[in-house]
ModelCIF file with pLDDT and N, C-alpha, C, O atoms, coordinates in Angstrom:
data_MODEL
#
_entry.id   MODEL 
#
_entity.id                         1 
_entity.type                       polymer 
_entity.pdbx_number_of_molecules   1 
#
_entity_poly.entity_id                      1 
_entity_poly.type                           'polypeptide(L)' 
_entity_poly.nstd_linkage                   no 
_entity_poly.nstd_monomer                   no 
_entity_poly.pdbx_seq_one_letter_code       IQAARACGGHVIAAIRSNRTASAAREAGADIVFSTNERPIVEAVHELT 
_entity_poly.pdbx_seq_one_letter_code_can   IQAARACGGHVIAAIRSNRTASAAREAGADIVFSTNERPIVEAVHELT 
_entity_poly.pdbx_strand_id                 A 
#
loop_
_entity_poly_seq.entity_id 
_entity_poly_seq.num 
_entity_poly_seq.mon_id 
_entity_poly_seq.hetero 
1 1  ILE n 
1 2  GLN n 
1 3  ALA n 
1 4  ALA n 
1 5  ARG n 
1 6  ALA n 
1 7  CYS n 
1 8  GLY n 
1 9  GLY n 
1 10 HIS n 
1 11 VAL n 
1 12 ILE n 
1 13 ALA n 
1 14 ALA n 
1 15 ILE n 
1 16 ARG n 
1 17 SER n 
1 18 ASN n 
1 19 ARG n 
1 20 THR n 
1 21 ALA n 
1 22 SER n 
1 23 ALA n 
1 24 ALA n 
1 25 ARG n 
1 26 GLU n 
1 27 ALA n 
1 28 GLY n 
1 29 ALA n 
1 30 ASP n 
1 31 ILE n 
1 32 VAL n 
1 33 PHE n 
1 34 SER n 
1 35 THR n 
1 36 ASN n 
1 37 GLU n 
1 38 ARG n 
1 39 PRO n 
1 40 ILE n 
1 41 VAL n 
1 42 GLU n 
1 43 ALA n 
1 44 VAL n 
1 45 HIS n 
1 46 GLU n 
1 47 LEU n 
1 48 THR n 
#
_struct_asym.id          A 
_struct_asym.entity_id   1 
#
loop_
_ma_qa_metric.id 
_ma_qa_metric.mode 
_ma_qa_metric.name 
_ma_qa_metric.software_group_id 
_ma_qa_metric.type 
1 global pLDDT . pLDDT 
2 local  pLDDT . pLDDT 
#
_ma_qa_metric_global.metric_id      1 
_ma_qa_metric_global.metric_value   95.67 
_ma_qa_metric_global.model_id       1 
_ma_qa_metric_global.ordinal_id     1 
#
loop_
_ma_qa_metric_local.label_asym_id 
_ma_qa_metric_local.label_comp_id 
_ma_qa_metric_local.label_seq_id 
_ma_qa_metric_local.metric_id 
_ma_qa_metric_local.metric_value 
_ma_qa_metric_local.model_id 
_ma_qa_metric_local.ordinal_id 
A ILE 1  2 98.00 1 1  
A GLN 2  2 98.00 1 2  
A ALA 3  2 98.00 1 3  
A ALA 4  2 98.00 1 4  
A ARG 5  2 97.00 1 5  
A ALA 6  2 97.00 1 6  
A CYS 7  2 97.00 1 7  
A GLY 8  2 97.00 1 8  
A GLY 9  2 97.00 1 9  
A HIS 10 2 98.00 1 10 
A VAL 11 2 98.00 1 11 
A ILE 12 2 98.00 1 12 
A ALA 13 2 98.00 1 13 
A ALA 14 2 97.00 1 14 
A ILE 15 2 96.00 1 15 
A ARG 16 2 91.00 1 16 
A SER 17 2 86.00 1 17 
A ASN 18 2 86.00 1 18 
A ARG 19 2 88.00 1 19 
A THR 20 2 93.00 1 20 
A ALA 21 2 94.00 1 21 
A SER 22 2 95.00 1 22 
A ALA 23 2 96.00 1 23 
A ALA 24 2 97.00 1 24 
A ARG 25 2 97.00 1 25 
A GLU 26 2 96.00 1 26 
A ALA 27 2 97.00 1 27 
A GLY 28 2 97.00 1 28 
A ALA 29 2 98.00 1 29 
A ASP 30 2 97.00 1 30 
A ILE 31 2 97.00 1 31 
A VAL 32 2 97.00 1 32 
A PHE 33 2 96.00 1 33 
A SER 34 2 95.00 1 34 
A THR 35 2 94.00 1 35 
A ASN 36 2 92.00 1 36 
A GLU 37 2 93.00 1 37 
A ARG 38 2 93.00 1 38 
A PRO 39 2 96.00 1 39 
A ILE 40 2 97.00 1 40 
A VAL 41 2 96.00 1 41 
A GLU 42 2 96.00 1 42 
A ALA 43 2 97.00 1 43 
A VAL 44 2 97.00 1 44 
A HIS 45 2 97.00 1 45 
A GLU 46 2 96.00 1 46 
A LEU 47 2 96.00 1 47 
A THR 48 2 97.00 1 48 
#
loop_
_atom_site.group_PDB 
_atom_site.id 
_atom_site.type_symbol 
_atom_site.label_atom_id 
_atom_site.label_alt_id 
_atom_site.label_comp_id 
_atom_site.label_asym_id 
_atom_site.label_entity_id 
_atom_site.label_seq_id 
_atom_site.pdbx_PDB_ins_code 
_atom_site.Cartn_x 
_atom_site.Cartn_y 
_atom_site.Cartn_z 
_atom_site.occupancy 
_atom_site.B_iso_or_equiv 
_atom_site.pdbx_formal_charge 
_atom_site.auth_seq_id 
_atom_site.auth_comp_id 
_atom_site.auth_asym_id 
_atom_site.auth_atom_id 
_atom_site.pdbx_PDB_model_num 
ATOM 1   N N  . ILE A 1 1  ? 121.597 -50.316 41.200 1.00 98.00 ? 1  ILE A N  1 
ATOM 2   C CA . ILE A 1 1  ? 120.158 -50.527 41.444 1.00 98.00 ? 1  ILE A CA 1 
ATOM 3   C C  . ILE A 1 1  ? 120.100 -50.807 43.044 1.00 98.00 ? 1  ILE A C  1 
ATOM 4   O O  . ILE A 1 1  ? 119.462 -50.034 43.759 1.00 98.00 ? 1  ILE A O  1 
ATOM 5   N N  . GLN A 1 2  ? 120.679 -51.763 43.510 1.00 98.00 ? 2  GLN A N  1 
ATOM 6   C CA . GLN A 1 2  ? 120.725 -51.917 44.944 1.00 98.00 ? 2  GLN A CA 1 
ATOM 7   C C  . GLN A 1 2  ? 120.940 -50.936 45.777 1.00 98.00 ? 2  GLN A C  1 
ATOM 8   O O  . GLN A 1 2  ? 120.147 -50.670 46.680 1.00 98.00 ? 2  GLN A O  1 
ATOM 9   N N  . ALA A 1 3  ? 122.087 -50.256 45.559 1.00 98.00 ? 3  ALA A N  1 
ATOM 10  C CA . ALA A 1 3  ? 122.535 -49.087 46.147 1.00 98.00 ? 3  ALA A CA 1 
ATOM 11  C C  . ALA A 1 3  ? 121.280 -47.894 46.209 1.00 98.00 ? 3  ALA A C  1 
ATOM 12  O O  . ALA A 1 3  ? 120.887 -47.465 47.293 1.00 98.00 ? 3  ALA A O  1 
ATOM 13  N N  . ALA A 1 4  ? 120.815 -47.509 45.138 1.00 98.00 ? 4  ALA A N  1 
ATOM 14  C CA . ALA A 1 4  ? 119.799 -46.543 44.850 1.00 98.00 ? 4  ALA A CA 1 
ATOM 15  C C  . ALA A 1 4  ? 118.308 -46.954 45.790 1.00 98.00 ? 4  ALA A C  1 
ATOM 16  O O  . ALA A 1 4  ? 117.561 -46.145 46.340 1.00 98.00 ? 4  ALA A O  1 
ATOM 17  N N  . ARG A 1 5  ? 118.192 -48.264 45.766 1.00 97.00 ? 5  ARG A N  1 
ATOM 18  C CA . ARG A 1 5  ? 116.954 -48.972 46.490 1.00 97.00 ? 5  ARG A CA 1 
ATOM 19  C C  . ARG A 1 5  ? 117.382 -48.692 47.969 1.00 97.00 ? 5  ARG A C  1 
ATOM 20  O O  . ARG A 1 5  ? 116.546 -48.214 48.736 1.00 97.00 ? 5  ARG A O  1 
ATOM 21  N N  . ALA A 1 6  ? 118.517 -48.941 48.356 1.00 97.00 ? 6  ALA A N  1 
ATOM 22  C CA . ALA A 1 6  ? 119.087 -48.755 49.853 1.00 97.00 ? 6  ALA A CA 1 
ATOM 23  C C  . ALA A 1 6  ? 118.796 -47.261 50.342 1.00 97.00 ? 6  ALA A C  1 
ATOM 24  O O  . ALA A 1 6  ? 118.524 -46.974 51.507 1.00 97.00 ? 6  ALA A O  1 
ATOM 25  N N  . CYS A 1 7  ? 118.885 -46.426 49.374 1.00 97.00 ? 7  CYS A N  1 
ATOM 26  C CA . CYS A 1 7  ? 118.769 -45.020 49.656 1.00 97.00 ? 7  CYS A CA 1 
ATOM 27  C C  . CYS A 1 7  ? 117.398 -44.584 49.596 1.00 97.00 ? 7  CYS A C  1 
ATOM 28  O O  . CYS A 1 7  ? 117.168 -43.403 49.856 1.00 97.00 ? 7  CYS A O  1 
ATOM 29  N N  . GLY A 1 8  ? 116.299 -45.484 49.243 1.00 97.00 ? 8  GLY A N  1 
ATOM 30  C CA . GLY A 1 8  ? 114.940 -45.327 49.232 1.00 97.00 ? 8  GLY A CA 1 
ATOM 31  C C  . GLY A 1 8  ? 114.477 -44.681 47.725 1.00 97.00 ? 8  GLY A C  1 
ATOM 32  O O  . GLY A 1 8  ? 113.470 -43.981 47.628 1.00 97.00 ? 8  GLY A O  1 
ATOM 33  N N  . GLY A 1 9  ? 115.227 -44.965 46.723 1.00 97.00 ? 9  GLY A N  1 
ATOM 34  C CA . GLY A 1 9  ? 114.818 -44.499 45.434 1.00 97.00 ? 9  GLY A CA 1 
ATOM 35  C C  . GLY A 1 9  ? 113.970 -45.528 44.762 1.00 97.00 ? 9  GLY A C  1 
ATOM 36  O O  . GLY A 1 9  ? 113.868 -46.706 45.105 1.00 97.00 ? 9  GLY A O  1 
ATOM 37  N N  . HIS A 1 10 ? 113.292 -44.854 43.625 1.00 98.00 ? 10 HIS A N  1 
ATOM 38  C CA . HIS A 1 10 ? 112.351 -45.686 42.978 1.00 98.00 ? 10 HIS A CA 1 
ATOM 39  C C  . HIS A 1 10 ? 113.117 -45.729 41.503 1.00 98.00 ? 10 HIS A C  1 
ATOM 40  O O  . HIS A 1 10 ? 113.291 -44.808 40.704 1.00 98.00 ? 10 HIS A O  1 
ATOM 41  N N  . VAL A 1 11 ? 113.501 -47.093 41.426 1.00 98.00 ? 11 VAL A N  1 
ATOM 42  C CA . VAL A 1 11 ? 114.718 -47.392 40.132 1.00 98.00 ? 11 VAL A CA 1 
ATOM 43  C C  . VAL A 1 11 ? 113.895 -47.562 38.792 1.00 98.00 ? 11 VAL A C  1 
ATOM 44  O O  . VAL A 1 11 ? 112.914 -48.292 38.643 1.00 98.00 ? 11 VAL A O  1 
ATOM 45  N N  . ILE A 1 12 ? 114.445 -46.801 37.912 1.00 98.00 ? 12 ILE A N  1 
ATOM 46  C CA . ILE A 1 12 ? 114.302 -47.240 36.523 1.00 98.00 ? 12 ILE A CA 1 
ATOM 47  C C  . ILE A 1 12 ? 115.316 -47.511 35.677 1.00 98.00 ? 12 ILE A C  1 
ATOM 48  O O  . ILE A 1 12 ? 116.041 -46.633 35.208 1.00 98.00 ? 12 ILE A O  1 
ATOM 49  N N  . ALA A 1 13 ? 115.425 -48.724 35.436 1.00 98.00 ? 13 ALA A N  1 
ATOM 50  C CA . ALA A 1 13 ? 116.655 -49.229 34.833 1.00 98.00 ? 13 ALA A CA 1 
ATOM 51  C C  . ALA A 1 13 ? 116.544 -49.336 33.259 1.00 98.00 ? 13 ALA A C  1 
ATOM 52  O O  . ALA A 1 13 ? 115.705 -50.051 32.712 1.00 98.00 ? 13 ALA A O  1 
ATOM 53  N N  . ALA A 1 14 ? 117.444 -48.581 32.597 1.00 97.00 ? 14 ALA A N  1 
ATOM 54  C CA . ALA A 1 14 ? 117.587 -48.519 31.204 1.00 97.00 ? 14 ALA A CA 1 
ATOM 55  C C  . ALA A 1 14 ? 118.801 -49.629 30.678 1.00 97.00 ? 14 ALA A C  1 
ATOM 56  O O  . ALA A 1 14 ? 119.950 -49.519 31.104 1.00 97.00 ? 14 ALA A O  1 
ATOM 57  N N  . ILE A 1 15 ? 118.468 -50.552 29.846 1.00 96.00 ? 15 ILE A N  1 
ATOM 58  C CA . ILE A 1 15 ? 119.512 -51.501 29.567 1.00 96.00 ? 15 ILE A CA 1 
ATOM 59  C C  . ILE A 1 15 ? 119.590 -51.809 28.179 1.00 96.00 ? 15 ILE A C  1 
ATOM 60  O O  . ILE A 1 15 ? 118.467 -51.888 27.682 1.00 96.00 ? 15 ILE A O  1 
ATOM 61  N N  . ARG A 1 16 ? 120.514 -52.009 27.388 1.00 91.00 ? 16 ARG A N  1 
ATOM 62  C CA . ARG A 1 16 ? 120.643 -52.011 26.044 1.00 91.00 ? 16 ARG A CA 1 
ATOM 63  C C  . ARG A 1 16 ? 119.969 -53.462 25.503 1.00 91.00 ? 16 ARG A C  1 
ATOM 64  O O  . ARG A 1 16 ? 119.213 -53.537 24.534 1.00 91.00 ? 16 ARG A O  1 
ATOM 65  N N  . SER A 1 17 ? 120.403 -54.588 26.331 1.00 86.00 ? 17 SER A N  1 
ATOM 66  C CA . SER A 1 17 ? 119.999 -55.858 25.825 1.00 86.00 ? 17 SER A CA 1 
ATOM 67  C C  . SER A 1 17 ? 118.893 -56.493 26.796 1.00 86.00 ? 17 SER A C  1 
ATOM 68  O O  . SER A 1 17 ? 119.101 -56.455 28.008 1.00 86.00 ? 17 SER A O  1 
ATOM 69  N N  . ASN A 1 18 ? 117.925 -56.974 26.381 1.00 86.00 ? 18 ASN A N  1 
ATOM 70  C CA . ASN A 1 18 ? 117.239 -58.002 27.424 1.00 86.00 ? 18 ASN A CA 1 
ATOM 71  C C  . ASN A 1 18 ? 117.741 -59.034 28.024 1.00 86.00 ? 18 ASN A C  1 
ATOM 72  O O  . ASN A 1 18 ? 117.129 -59.656 28.892 1.00 86.00 ? 18 ASN A O  1 
ATOM 73  N N  . ARG A 1 19 ? 118.936 -59.325 27.609 1.00 88.00 ? 19 ARG A N  1 
ATOM 74  C CA . ARG A 1 19 ? 119.816 -60.433 28.087 1.00 88.00 ? 19 ARG A CA 1 
ATOM 75  C C  . ARG A 1 19 ? 119.932 -60.250 29.626 1.00 88.00 ? 19 ARG A C  1 
ATOM 76  O O  . ARG A 1 19 ? 119.997 -61.211 30.392 1.00 88.00 ? 19 ARG A O  1 
ATOM 77  N N  . THR A 1 20 ? 119.957 -58.838 30.063 1.00 93.00 ? 20 THR A N  1 
ATOM 78  C CA . THR A 1 20 ? 120.178 -58.703 31.376 1.00 93.00 ? 20 THR A CA 1 
ATOM 79  C C  . THR A 1 20 ? 118.998 -58.263 32.189 1.00 93.00 ? 20 THR A C  1 
ATOM 80  O O  . THR A 1 20 ? 119.131 -57.761 33.305 1.00 93.00 ? 20 THR A O  1 
ATOM 81  N N  . ALA A 1 21 ? 117.688 -58.489 31.530 1.00 94.00 ? 21 ALA A N  1 
ATOM 82  C CA . ALA A 1 21 ? 116.557 -57.659 32.048 1.00 94.00 ? 21 ALA A CA 1 
ATOM 83  C C  . ALA A 1 21 ? 116.292 -58.259 33.491 1.00 94.00 ? 21 ALA A C  1 
ATOM 84  O O  . ALA A 1 21 ? 116.148 -57.536 34.477 1.00 94.00 ? 21 ALA A O  1 
ATOM 85  N N  . SER A 1 22 ? 116.239 -59.628 33.533 1.00 95.00 ? 22 SER A N  1 
ATOM 86  C CA . SER A 1 22 ? 116.114 -60.694 34.793 1.00 95.00 ? 22 SER A CA 1 
ATOM 87  C C  . SER A 1 22 ? 116.940 -60.254 36.006 1.00 95.00 ? 22 SER A C  1 
ATOM 88  O O  . SER A 1 22 ? 116.532 -60.166 37.164 1.00 95.00 ? 22 SER A O  1 
ATOM 89  N N  . ALA A 1 23 ? 118.241 -59.978 35.517 1.00 96.00 ? 23 ALA A N  1 
ATOM 90  C CA . ALA A 1 23 ? 119.174 -59.607 36.412 1.00 96.00 ? 23 ALA A CA 1 
ATOM 91  C C  . ALA A 1 23 ? 118.952 -58.272 37.053 1.00 96.00 ? 23 ALA A C  1 
ATOM 92  O O  . ALA A 1 23 ? 119.159 -58.097 38.254 1.00 96.00 ? 23 ALA A O  1 
ATOM 93  N N  . ALA A 1 24 ? 118.494 -57.252 36.179 1.00 97.00 ? 24 ALA A N  1 
ATOM 94  C CA . ALA A 1 24 ? 118.196 -55.919 36.796 1.00 97.00 ? 24 ALA A CA 1 
ATOM 95  C C  . ALA A 1 24 ? 116.791 -55.928 37.694 1.00 97.00 ? 24 ALA A C  1 
ATOM 96  O O  . ALA A 1 24 ? 116.725 -55.166 38.659 1.00 97.00 ? 24 ALA A O  1 
ATOM 97  N N  . ARG A 1 25 ? 115.754 -56.731 37.392 1.00 97.00 ? 25 ARG A N  1 
ATOM 98  C CA . ARG A 1 25 ? 114.615 -56.906 38.312 1.00 97.00 ? 25 ARG A CA 1 
ATOM 99  C C  . ARG A 1 25 ? 115.075 -57.824 39.466 1.00 97.00 ? 25 ARG A C  1 
ATOM 100 O O  . ARG A 1 25 ? 114.584 -57.505 40.549 1.00 97.00 ? 25 ARG A O  1 
ATOM 101 N N  . GLU A 1 26 ? 115.790 -58.744 39.486 1.00 96.00 ? 26 GLU A N  1 
ATOM 102 C CA . GLU A 1 26 ? 116.313 -59.419 40.662 1.00 96.00 ? 26 GLU A CA 1 
ATOM 103 C C  . GLU A 1 26 ? 117.117 -58.491 41.620 1.00 96.00 ? 26 GLU A C  1 
ATOM 104 O O  . GLU A 1 26 ? 116.982 -58.535 42.843 1.00 96.00 ? 26 GLU A O  1 
ATOM 105 N N  . ALA A 1 27 ? 117.847 -57.763 41.058 1.00 97.00 ? 27 ALA A N  1 
ATOM 106 C CA . ALA A 1 27 ? 118.617 -56.562 41.725 1.00 97.00 ? 27 ALA A CA 1 
ATOM 107 C C  . ALA A 1 27 ? 117.747 -55.611 42.599 1.00 97.00 ? 27 ALA A C  1 
ATOM 108 O O  . ALA A 1 27 ? 118.227 -55.062 43.591 1.00 97.00 ? 27 ALA A O  1 
ATOM 109 N N  . GLY A 1 28 ? 116.358 -55.416 42.177 1.00 97.00 ? 28 GLY A N  1 
ATOM 110 C CA . GLY A 1 28 ? 115.565 -54.686 42.617 1.00 97.00 ? 28 GLY A CA 1 
ATOM 111 C C  . GLY A 1 28 ? 114.823 -53.338 41.745 1.00 97.00 ? 28 GLY A C  1 
ATOM 112 O O  . GLY A 1 28 ? 113.979 -52.571 42.207 1.00 97.00 ? 28 GLY A O  1 
ATOM 113 N N  . ALA A 1 29 ? 115.262 -53.321 40.717 1.00 98.00 ? 29 ALA A N  1 
ATOM 114 C CA . ALA A 1 29 ? 114.697 -52.499 39.676 1.00 98.00 ? 29 ALA A CA 1 
ATOM 115 C C  . ALA A 1 29 ? 113.033 -52.354 39.733 1.00 98.00 ? 29 ALA A C  1 
ATOM 116 O O  . ALA A 1 29 ? 112.320 -53.350 39.613 1.00 98.00 ? 29 ALA A O  1 
ATOM 117 N N  . ASP A 1 30 ? 112.546 -51.160 39.906 1.00 97.00 ? 30 ASP A N  1 
ATOM 118 C CA . ASP A 1 30 ? 110.944 -51.124 39.951 1.00 97.00 ? 30 ASP A CA 1 
ATOM 119 C C  . ASP A 1 30 ? 110.477 -51.309 38.362 1.00 97.00 ? 30 ASP A C  1 
ATOM 120 O O  . ASP A 1 30 ? 109.527 -51.993 37.980 1.00 97.00 ? 30 ASP A O  1 
ATOM 121 N N  . ILE A 1 31 ? 111.399 -50.514 37.519 1.00 97.00 ? 31 ILE A N  1 
ATOM 122 C CA . ILE A 1 31 ? 111.025 -50.674 36.033 1.00 97.00 ? 31 ILE A CA 1 
ATOM 123 C C  . ILE A 1 31 ? 112.003 -51.040 35.195 1.00 97.00 ? 31 ILE A C  1 
ATOM 124 O O  . ILE A 1 31 ? 113.046 -50.467 35.508 1.00 97.00 ? 31 ILE A O  1 
ATOM 125 N N  . VAL A 1 32 ? 112.122 -51.735 34.278 1.00 97.00 ? 32 VAL A N  1 
ATOM 126 C CA . VAL A 1 32 ? 113.142 -52.218 33.291 1.00 97.00 ? 32 VAL A CA 1 
ATOM 127 C C  . VAL A 1 32 ? 112.877 -51.982 31.997 1.00 97.00 ? 32 VAL A C  1 
ATOM 128 O O  . VAL A 1 32 ? 111.955 -52.676 31.569 1.00 97.00 ? 32 VAL A O  1 
ATOM 129 N N  . PHE A 1 33 ? 113.457 -51.102 31.074 1.00 96.00 ? 33 PHE A N  1 
ATOM 130 C CA . PHE A 1 33 ? 113.294 -51.076 29.761 1.00 96.00 ? 33 PHE A CA 1 
ATOM 131 C C  . PHE A 1 33 ? 114.484 -51.080 28.879 1.00 96.00 ? 33 PHE A C  1 
ATOM 132 O O  . PHE A 1 33 ? 115.529 -50.550 29.256 1.00 96.00 ? 33 PHE A O  1 
ATOM 133 N N  . SER A 1 34 ? 114.379 -51.643 27.741 1.00 95.00 ? 34 SER A N  1 
ATOM 134 C CA . SER A 1 34 ? 115.511 -51.817 26.650 1.00 95.00 ? 34 SER A CA 1 
ATOM 135 C C  . SER A 1 34 ? 115.633 -50.374 26.004 1.00 95.00 ? 34 SER A C  1 
ATOM 136 O O  . SER A 1 34 ? 114.653 -49.628 26.012 1.00 95.00 ? 34 SER A O  1 
ATOM 137 N N  . THR A 1 35 ? 116.716 -50.023 25.502 1.00 94.00 ? 35 THR A N  1 
ATOM 138 C CA . THR A 1 35 ? 116.857 -48.655 25.015 1.00 94.00 ? 35 THR A CA 1 
ATOM 139 C C  . THR A 1 35 ? 116.875 -48.844 23.343 1.00 94.00 ? 35 THR A C  1 
ATOM 140 O O  . THR A 1 35 ? 116.891 -47.950 22.497 1.00 94.00 ? 35 THR A O  1 
ATOM 141 N N  . ASN A 1 36 ? 116.867 -50.264 23.152 1.00 92.00 ? 36 ASN A N  1 
ATOM 142 C CA . ASN A 1 36 ? 116.721 -50.551 21.835 1.00 92.00 ? 36 ASN A CA 1 
ATOM 143 C C  . ASN A 1 36 ? 115.443 -50.515 21.344 1.00 92.00 ? 36 ASN A C  1 
ATOM 144 O O  . ASN A 1 36 ? 115.250 -50.533 20.128 1.00 92.00 ? 36 ASN A O  1 
ATOM 145 N N  . GLU A 1 37 ? 114.380 -50.455 22.283 1.00 93.00 ? 37 GLU A N  1 
ATOM 146 C CA . GLU A 1 37 ? 113.037 -50.467 22.044 1.00 93.00 ? 37 GLU A CA 1 
ATOM 147 C C  . GLU A 1 37 ? 112.222 -49.282 22.248 1.00 93.00 ? 37 GLU A C  1 
ATOM 148 O O  . GLU A 1 37 ? 111.155 -49.078 21.669 1.00 93.00 ? 37 GLU A O  1 
ATOM 149 N N  . ARG A 1 38 ? 112.811 -48.448 23.160 1.00 93.00 ? 38 ARG A N  1 
ATOM 150 C CA . ARG A 1 38 ? 112.083 -47.187 23.460 1.00 93.00 ? 38 ARG A CA 1 
ATOM 151 C C  . ARG A 1 38 ? 113.352 -46.138 23.943 1.00 93.00 ? 38 ARG A C  1 
ATOM 152 O O  . ARG A 1 38 ? 114.212 -46.459 24.764 1.00 93.00 ? 38 ARG A O  1 
ATOM 153 N N  . PRO A 1 39 ? 113.274 -44.817 23.252 1.00 96.00 ? 39 PRO A N  1 
ATOM 154 C CA . PRO A 1 39 ? 113.957 -43.857 23.622 1.00 96.00 ? 39 PRO A CA 1 
ATOM 155 C C  . PRO A 1 39 ? 114.084 -43.512 25.175 1.00 96.00 ? 39 PRO A C  1 
ATOM 156 O O  . PRO A 1 39 ? 113.093 -43.653 25.892 1.00 96.00 ? 39 PRO A O  1 
ATOM 157 N N  . ILE A 1 40 ? 115.164 -43.110 25.645 1.00 97.00 ? 40 ILE A N  1 
ATOM 158 C CA . ILE A 1 40 ? 115.322 -42.993 27.024 1.00 97.00 ? 40 ILE A CA 1 
ATOM 159 C C  . ILE A 1 40 ? 114.406 -41.792 27.463 1.00 97.00 ? 40 ILE A C  1 
ATOM 160 O O  . ILE A 1 40 ? 113.615 -41.991 28.385 1.00 97.00 ? 40 ILE A O  1 
ATOM 161 N N  . VAL A 1 41 ? 114.459 -40.624 26.892 1.00 96.00 ? 41 VAL A N  1 
ATOM 162 C CA . VAL A 1 41 ? 113.800 -39.627 27.418 1.00 96.00 ? 41 VAL A CA 1 
ATOM 163 C C  . VAL A 1 41 ? 112.286 -39.829 27.212 1.00 96.00 ? 41 VAL A C  1 
ATOM 164 O O  . VAL A 1 41 ? 111.526 -39.569 28.145 1.00 96.00 ? 41 VAL A O  1 
ATOM 165 N N  . GLU A 1 42 ? 111.817 -40.277 26.046 1.00 96.00 ? 42 GLU A N  1 
ATOM 166 C CA . GLU A 1 42 ? 110.494 -40.454 25.978 1.00 96.00 ? 42 GLU A CA 1 
ATOM 167 C C  . GLU A 1 42 ? 110.069 -41.469 27.034 1.00 96.00 ? 42 GLU A C  1 
ATOM 168 O O  . GLU A 1 42 ? 109.137 -41.109 27.753 1.00 96.00 ? 42 GLU A O  1 
ATOM 169 N N  . ALA A 1 43 ? 110.603 -42.698 27.256 1.00 97.00 ? 43 ALA A N  1 
ATOM 170 C CA . ALA A 1 43 ? 110.223 -43.673 28.250 1.00 97.00 ? 43 ALA A CA 1 
ATOM 171 C C  . ALA A 1 43 ? 110.245 -42.852 29.749 1.00 97.00 ? 43 ALA A C  1 
ATOM 172 O O  . ALA A 1 43 ? 109.221 -42.801 30.429 1.00 97.00 ? 43 ALA A O  1 
ATOM 173 N N  . VAL A 1 44 ? 111.440 -42.257 30.163 1.00 97.00 ? 44 VAL A N  1 
ATOM 174 C CA . VAL A 1 44 ? 111.236 -41.702 31.627 1.00 97.00 ? 44 VAL A CA 1 
ATOM 175 C C  . VAL A 1 44 ? 110.297 -40.637 31.766 1.00 97.00 ? 44 VAL A C  1 
ATOM 176 O O  . VAL A 1 44 ? 109.696 -40.519 32.834 1.00 97.00 ? 44 VAL A O  1 
ATOM 177 N N  . HIS A 1 45 ? 110.064 -39.724 30.679 1.00 97.00 ? 45 HIS A N  1 
ATOM 178 C CA . HIS A 1 45 ? 108.938 -38.775 30.884 1.00 97.00 ? 45 HIS A CA 1 
ATOM 179 C C  . HIS A 1 45 ? 107.791 -39.534 31.085 1.00 97.00 ? 45 HIS A C  1 
ATOM 180 O O  . HIS A 1 45 ? 107.084 -39.329 32.072 1.00 97.00 ? 45 HIS A O  1 
ATOM 181 N N  . GLU A 1 46 ? 107.515 -40.424 30.228 1.00 96.00 ? 46 GLU A N  1 
ATOM 182 C CA . GLU A 1 46 ? 106.059 -41.151 30.381 1.00 96.00 ? 46 GLU A CA 1 
ATOM 183 C C  . GLU A 1 46 ? 106.041 -41.802 31.769 1.00 96.00 ? 46 GLU A C  1 
ATOM 184 O O  . GLU A 1 46 ? 105.132 -41.493 32.540 1.00 96.00 ? 46 GLU A O  1 
ATOM 185 N N  . LEU A 1 47 ? 106.748 -42.465 32.051 1.00 96.00 ? 47 LEU A N  1 
ATOM 186 C CA . LEU A 1 47 ? 107.063 -43.255 33.657 1.00 96.00 ? 47 LEU A CA 1 
ATOM 187 C C  . LEU A 1 47 ? 107.017 -42.390 34.718 1.00 96.00 ? 47 LEU A C  1 
ATOM 188 O O  . LEU A 1 47 ? 106.802 -42.906 35.815 1.00 96.00 ? 47 LEU A O  1 
ATOM 189 N N  . THR A 1 48 ? 107.184 -41.053 34.659 1.00 97.00 ? 48 THR A N  1 
ATOM 190 C CA . THR A 1 48 ? 107.366 -39.985 35.717 1.00 97.00 ? 48 THR A CA 1 
ATOM 191 C C  . THR A 1 48 ? 106.282 -39.070 35.657 1.00 97.00 ? 48 THR A C  1 
ATOM 192 O O  . THR A 1 48 ? 106.234 -38.118 36.436 1.00 97.00 ? 48 THR A O  1 
#
């Protein structure tokens, strides 16, 4: 997440458990979602 942000990327973080959601946000992710709650393909196409 940090390395992609350093390159100027807009980061979408897909995580399995919400246990790490806050860590992903603190690392700089613009959007965080759980794959247990939203399918990856559907979520990413909606967000882009």
